[in-house]
Amino acid sequence: MPPTYSYPSPCSKKSRSSQIQPYTPNDNLNNALGSIRVLGLELIAHELEPHLNTVLANIKERKKGAAEQVVISGILPILALSLRSRGPLTLPTAKLVAELAKESVVRKGFGDAGLAPALLSVLTSLDQELLLHAARAISRMSYDSTKLQHLLLRRGAVPRLVSILLRFPDKEALEEVCLQALCNISGMGVAEEAGMVWERGASVRPGETVFHSVSPHTCDFASSVTLVCVSQWAPGQYAVNIEVFQRCSSSFWSLHGNKRNARCFPFSRLGSFSNLLKIIKFSTRSVPGTKSLRNRVFHTFL
């Protein structure tokens, strides 16, 4: 009897091959990153802007592997150059950098790429949309990085952010993002998901501006109150103080029979958040230069 042979059916072969779907990089994103890398040094606006928008769209949609592709591409120094150029590409670049700052794998490289000083350089602009995206990028990049927090402090981020608060007192969106950036630079680690809503408080002394935000706890028995106080202590000289307080609700005291002992207060101070100093003094009139570390940080140490 002749031997019999069995062969896989075409359908079974097709079925097996259809189950194997290896990850392939996004060609559209790769082409855009390659174009930015090649054309970036020339900063030709009409050629580069579509590629910046392509990268922005991929990052916003959180395409798989998009953030890693940006890191591998090496375009971060080119984005820093684009920000410093203060040309027609500055705004779309700031939008892209602000979105990239959401990705921890990307923002780790911001310091070495020179993006911190590049973002700070645009904070003197009068373009409110540009200021909004630059301040948002600063807030996000300093959210969980002590290294970037100290870098921004040394480069004079605080006086620039406060200067924006003083220049645009009626712009709520700009005000909120600057206050969040100040809190994150000080080491608070305020996530955007926290949904902090800022309001201006009553000033106690002349030349003082107070902002406060309340963050309720999940148990609804207590809330955290963040207080940012900007006070003028000399012509053109300001001090910033950031503190967080714990406030207990009336429900909390009802559960405890209104027994308020010395260890538990209805409004107690949790702590002050500031790298290096509890109170930051600096000049918004003459932003510190780079002659010495002492002058670069806050213009005047306590």
Protein backbone atom coordinates (compact mmCIF):
# COMPACT_ATOMS: atom_id res chain seq x y z
CA MET A 1 0.00 0.00 0.00
CA PRO A 2 1.59 3.34 -1.05
CA PRO A 3 2.35 5.81 1.76
CA THR A 4 -0.06 8.68 2.27
CA TYR A 5 0.96 12.24 2.91
CA SER A 6 -1.04 15.01 4.51
CA TYR A 7 -0.54 18.66 3.67
CA PRO A 8 -1.89 21.65 5.55
CA SER A 9 -4.86 23.19 3.84
CA PRO A 10 -4.48 26.69 2.36
CA CYS A 11 -7.08 27.96 4.85
CA SER A 12 -5.16 26.69 7.89
CA LYS A 13 -1.94 28.27 6.58
CA LYS A 14 -3.74 31.59 6.05
CA SER A 15 -5.28 31.33 9.49
CA ARG A 16 -1.90 30.83 11.17
CA SER A 17 -0.25 33.67 9.27
CA SER A 18 -3.08 36.04 10.10
CA GLN A 19 -2.46 35.49 13.80
CA ILE A 20 1.12 36.75 13.55
CA GLN A 21 1.07 40.54 13.46
CA PRO A 22 4.53 41.88 14.29
CA TYR A 23 4.76 45.49 15.47
CA THR A 24 5.92 47.82 12.69
CA PRO A 25 6.85 51.43 13.33
CA ASN A 26 4.51 54.18 12.15
CA ASP A 27 5.88 55.07 8.71
CA ASN A 28 4.06 58.39 8.69
CA LEU A 29 5.65 59.37 12.00
CA ASN A 30 9.06 58.05 10.96
CA ASN A 31 9.00 60.14 7.78
CA ALA A 32 8.04 63.25 9.75
CA LEU A 33 10.79 62.70 12.34
CA GLY A 34 13.34 62.08 9.61
CA SER A 35 12.34 65.28 7.82
CA ILE A 36 12.62 67.32 11.03
CA ARG A 37 16.06 65.85 11.66
CA VAL A 38 17.24 66.70 8.14
CA LEU A 39 15.57 70.10 7.68
CA GLY A 40 15.62 71.20 11.30
CA LEU A 41 18.88 73.13 11.28
CA GLU A 42 17.60 75.35 8.47
CA LEU A 43 14.24 75.96 10.21
CA ILE A 44 12.30 76.52 7.00
CA ALA A 45 8.81 77.16 8.33
CA HIS A 46 6.65 76.10 5.38
CA GLU A 47 8.54 72.81 5.05
CA LEU A 48 8.87 71.94 8.73
CA GLU A 49 5.48 72.88 10.16
CA PRO A 50 3.52 70.00 8.50
CA HIS A 51 6.02 67.51 9.97
CA LEU A 52 5.74 69.09 13.44
CA ASN A 53 1.95 68.76 13.17
CA THR A 54 2.25 65.11 12.15
CA VAL A 55 4.36 64.31 15.23
CA LEU A 56 1.93 66.29 17.41
CA ALA A 57 -1.07 64.34 16.06
CA ASN A 58 0.64 60.99 16.74
CA ILE A 59 1.58 61.95 20.28
CA LYS A 60 -1.91 63.31 21.03
CA GLU A 61 -3.49 60.08 19.81
CA ARG A 62 -0.99 58.17 21.97
CA LYS A 63 -0.03 55.90 19.09
CA LYS A 64 1.84 52.82 20.25
CA GLY A 65 5.59 53.40 20.25
CA ALA A 66 5.28 57.05 19.16
CA ALA A 67 7.02 58.48 22.24
CA GLU A 68 9.88 55.99 21.92
CA GLN A 69 10.29 56.87 18.24
CA VAL A 70 10.62 60.55 19.15
CA VAL A 71 13.36 59.74 21.66
CA ILE A 72 15.25 57.55 19.18
CA SER A 73 14.97 60.14 16.41
CA GLY A 74 17.07 62.69 18.30
CA ILE A 75 14.91 65.70 17.36
CA LEU A 76 14.73 67.25 20.86
CA PRO A 77 17.78 69.55 20.37
CA ILE A 78 16.23 70.72 17.09
CA LEU A 79 13.01 71.60 18.92
CA ALA A 80 15.08 73.61 21.42
CA LEU A 81 16.71 75.46 18.53
CA SER A 82 13.30 76.19 17.02
CA LEU A 83 12.04 77.66 20.31
CA ARG A 84 15.08 79.91 20.67
CA SER A 85 14.75 81.19 17.10
CA ARG A 86 11.53 83.06 18.03
CA GLY A 87 10.26 82.72 14.46
CA PRO A 88 7.06 81.38 12.87
CA LEU A 89 7.89 77.85 14.06
CA THR A 90 8.09 78.81 17.74
CA LEU A 91 4.37 78.42 18.49
CA PRO A 92 3.86 75.01 16.78
CA THR A 93 7.08 73.83 18.42
CA ALA A 94 5.87 74.96 21.86
CA LYS A 95 2.60 73.06 21.31
CA LEU A 96 4.54 69.91 20.41
CA VAL A 97 6.97 70.22 23.34
CA ALA A 98 4.05 70.72 25.77
CA GLU A 99 2.44 67.51 24.47
CA LEU A 100 5.74 65.59 24.53
CA ALA A 101 6.23 66.67 28.16
CA LYS A 102 3.30 64.40 29.10
CA GLU A 103 5.43 61.38 28.19
CA SER A 104 7.90 60.46 30.93
CA VAL A 105 10.16 58.62 28.49
CA VAL A 106 10.52 61.82 26.44
CA ARG A 107 10.75 64.48 29.15
CA LYS A 108 13.71 62.67 30.71
CA GLY A 109 15.77 63.97 27.81
CA PHE A 110 14.59 67.58 28.04
CA GLY A 111 17.51 68.67 30.23
CA ASP A 112 20.29 67.33 28.01
CA ALA A 113 18.53 68.60 24.86
CA GLY A 114 18.52 72.20 26.14
CA LEU A 115 14.74 72.46 26.21
CA ALA A 116 14.59 73.97 29.71
CA PRO A 117 16.43 77.22 28.85
CA ALA A 118 14.75 77.27 25.43
CA LEU A 119 11.28 77.22 27.02
CA LEU A 120 12.28 79.88 29.55
CA SER A 121 13.53 82.11 26.74
CA VAL A 122 10.01 82.42 25.29
CA LEU A 123 8.41 83.41 28.61
CA THR A 124 9.24 87.06 27.87
CA SER A 125 6.97 86.98 24.81
CA LEU A 126 3.73 88.97 24.62
CA ASP A 127 1.98 86.15 22.72
CA GLN A 128 -0.40 84.68 25.29
CA GLU A 129 -0.93 81.42 23.41
CA LEU A 130 2.82 80.86 23.22
CA LEU A 131 3.16 81.64 26.93
CA LEU A 132 0.37 79.19 27.74
CA HIS A 133 2.02 76.25 25.94
CA ALA A 134 5.53 77.09 27.21
CA ALA A 135 4.35 77.33 30.84
CA ARG A 136 2.38 74.10 30.43
CA ALA A 137 5.49 72.33 29.14
CA ILE A 138 7.49 73.64 32.13
CA SER A 139 4.79 72.43 34.53
CA ARG A 140 4.70 68.96 33.01
CA MET A 141 8.45 68.49 32.70
CA SER A 142 9.01 69.43 36.36
CA TYR A 143 6.14 67.28 37.67
CA ASP A 144 8.26 64.34 38.86
CA SER A 145 11.85 65.27 38.10
CA THR A 146 14.03 66.75 40.84
CA LYS A 147 16.80 67.21 38.28
CA LEU A 148 14.62 69.36 36.02
CA GLN A 149 13.15 71.24 39.01
CA HIS A 150 16.62 72.34 40.10
CA LEU A 151 17.63 73.14 36.54
CA LEU A 152 14.59 75.40 36.07
CA LEU A 153 15.24 77.09 39.41
CA ARG A 154 18.87 77.81 38.51
CA ARG A 155 17.80 79.18 35.14
CA GLY A 156 15.37 81.68 36.65
CA ALA A 157 12.00 80.05 35.98
CA VAL A 158 10.34 81.52 39.07
CA PRO A 159 10.75 85.24 38.26
CA ARG A 160 9.63 84.67 34.69
CA LEU A 161 6.48 82.81 35.73
CA VAL A 162 5.58 85.40 38.35
CA SER A 163 6.19 88.15 35.82
CA ILE A 164 3.49 86.55 33.63
CA LEU A 165 1.09 86.49 36.60
CA LEU A 166 1.66 90.20 37.12
CA ARG A 167 1.45 91.12 33.43
CA PHE A 168 -1.78 89.21 32.69
CA PRO A 169 -3.92 89.37 35.84
CA ASP A 170 -7.22 88.70 34.03
CA LYS A 171 -6.21 85.66 31.96
CA GLU A 172 -7.45 82.67 33.98
CA ALA A 173 -6.03 79.87 31.81
CA LEU A 174 -2.59 81.47 31.76
CA GLU A 175 -2.78 82.18 35.49
CA GLU A 176 -3.67 78.57 36.34
CA VAL A 177 -0.91 77.01 34.28
CA CYS A 178 1.71 79.39 35.73
CA LEU A 179 0.60 78.63 39.29
CA GLN A 180 0.72 74.90 38.61
CA ALA A 181 4.20 75.30 37.12
CA LEU A 182 5.35 77.17 40.25
CA CYS A 183 3.96 74.38 42.45
CA ASN A 184 5.66 71.65 40.43
CA ILE A 185 8.99 73.45 40.31
CA SER A 186 8.77 73.76 44.10
CA GLY A 187 8.42 69.97 44.33
CA MET A 188 4.70 69.55 45.03
CA GLY A 189 4.05 67.22 42.09
CA VAL A 190 0.62 68.54 41.10
CA ALA A 191 -0.94 66.34 38.40
CA GLU A 192 -3.24 67.93 35.84
CA GLU A 193 -5.79 65.22 36.63
CA ALA A 194 -6.11 66.71 40.12
CA GLY A 195 -8.24 69.44 38.56
CA MET A 196 -7.03 72.24 40.81
CA VAL A 197 -9.05 75.42 40.34
CA TRP A 198 -7.28 78.60 41.38
CA GLU A 199 -8.85 81.75 42.75
CA ARG A 200 -7.45 85.05 43.89
CA GLY A 201 -7.69 85.52 47.63
CA ALA A 202 -7.88 88.58 49.81
CA SER A 203 -4.59 90.41 50.27
CA VAL A 204 -3.57 91.23 53.81
CA ARG A 205 -0.72 93.62 53.03
CA PRO A 206 -0.17 96.22 50.30
CA GLY A 207 1.69 94.88 47.26
CA GLU A 208 0.63 91.31 48.00
CA THR A 209 -1.18 88.95 45.62
CA VAL A 210 -2.66 85.74 47.01
CA PHE A 211 -3.87 82.69 45.08
CA HIS A 212 -5.48 79.63 46.62
CA SER A 213 -6.81 76.29 45.43
CA VAL A 214 -8.82 73.64 47.29
CA SER A 215 -8.37 69.93 46.53
CA PRO A 216 -11.00 67.74 48.26
CA HIS A 217 -9.96 64.32 49.53
CA THR A 218 -11.83 61.21 48.42
CA CYS A 219 -13.26 60.68 51.92
CA ASP A 220 -14.92 64.14 51.80
CA PHE A 221 -13.93 64.73 55.43
CA ALA A 222 -10.93 66.91 54.63
CA SER A 223 -9.41 69.00 51.89
CA SER A 224 -5.99 70.38 51.04
CA VAL A 225 -5.66 74.10 50.55
CA THR A 226 -2.70 75.28 48.47
CA LEU A 227 -1.71 78.89 49.07
CA VAL A 228 0.61 80.84 46.79
CA CYS A 229 1.53 84.30 48.01
CA VAL A 230 3.45 86.81 45.86
CA SER A 231 4.45 89.87 47.85
CA GLN A 232 6.46 92.94 46.94
CA TRP A 233 9.17 93.71 49.49
CA ALA A 234 10.99 96.45 47.52
CA PRO A 235 10.45 98.27 44.20
CA GLY A 236 10.57 95.58 41.53
CA GLN A 237 11.44 92.93 44.14
CA TYR A 238 9.04 90.10 45.03
CA ALA A 239 8.91 87.11 47.36
CA VAL A 240 7.01 83.88 46.64
CA ASN A 241 5.74 81.61 49.39
CA ILE A 242 3.97 78.30 48.62
CA GLU A 243 2.27 76.40 51.43
CA VAL A 244 -0.26 73.58 51.79
CA PHE A 245 -2.79 73.35 54.62
CA GLN A 246 -5.13 70.58 55.74
CA ARG A 247 -8.71 71.64 56.39
CA CYS A 248 -11.21 69.31 58.10
CA SER A 249 -14.94 69.49 57.36
CA SER A 250 -17.76 69.92 59.86
CA SER A 251 -18.71 66.26 59.20
CA PHE A 252 -15.33 65.21 60.53
CA TRP A 253 -15.85 67.08 63.77
CA SER A 254 -19.40 65.72 64.11
CA LEU A 255 -18.05 62.17 63.93
CA HIS A 256 -15.53 63.00 66.63
CA GLY A 257 -18.05 64.69 68.92
CA ASN A 258 -16.49 68.12 68.30
CA LYS A 259 -13.47 67.10 70.39
CA ARG A 260 -10.69 69.20 69.00
CA ASN A 261 -7.55 68.39 70.91
CA ALA A 262 -4.12 69.93 70.63
CA ARG A 263 -2.98 67.36 68.08
CA CYS A 264 -5.82 67.90 65.58
CA PHE A 265 -6.75 71.27 64.17
CA PRO A 266 -9.50 72.24 61.72
CA PHE A 267 -6.97 74.13 59.63
CA SER A 268 -3.45 72.81 60.05
CA ARG A 269 -0.32 73.47 58.07
CA LEU A 270 0.98 70.44 56.14
CA GLY A 271 4.14 72.03 54.89
CA SER A 272 5.91 74.51 52.70
CA PHE A 273 7.08 73.46 49.26
CA SER A 274 10.14 75.07 47.81
CA ASN A 275 13.43 73.67 46.58
CA LEU A 276 16.28 75.32 48.47
CA LEU A 277 14.16 78.01 50.18
CA LYS A 278 10.83 78.35 51.96
CA ILE A 279 10.47 81.91 50.73
CA ILE A 280 11.87 82.85 47.33
CA LYS A 281 13.06 86.40 46.76
CA PHE A 282 13.92 87.69 43.33
CA SER A 283 13.61 90.62 40.99
CA THR A 284 11.14 90.67 38.10
CA ARG A 285 12.64 93.90 36.84
CA SER A 286 16.11 92.52 36.23
CA VAL A 287 16.05 88.78 35.59
CA PRO A 288 19.26 87.16 36.91
CA GLY A 289 22.01 86.51 34.40
CA THR A 290 24.43 83.60 34.31
CA LYS A 291 27.48 85.16 35.99
CA SER A 292 27.27 83.10 39.16
CA LEU A 293 25.11 80.38 40.67
CA ARG A 294 24.01 82.74 43.45
CA ASN A 295 22.69 85.30 40.95
CA ARG A 296 21.17 82.72 38.62
CA VAL A 297 18.87 81.19 41.20
CA PHE A 298 16.76 83.89 42.84
CA HIS A 299 18.75 87.11 42.63
CA THR A 300 18.68 87.39 46.46
CA PHE A 301 19.11 84.60 48.97
CA LEU A 302 17.58 84.83 52.45
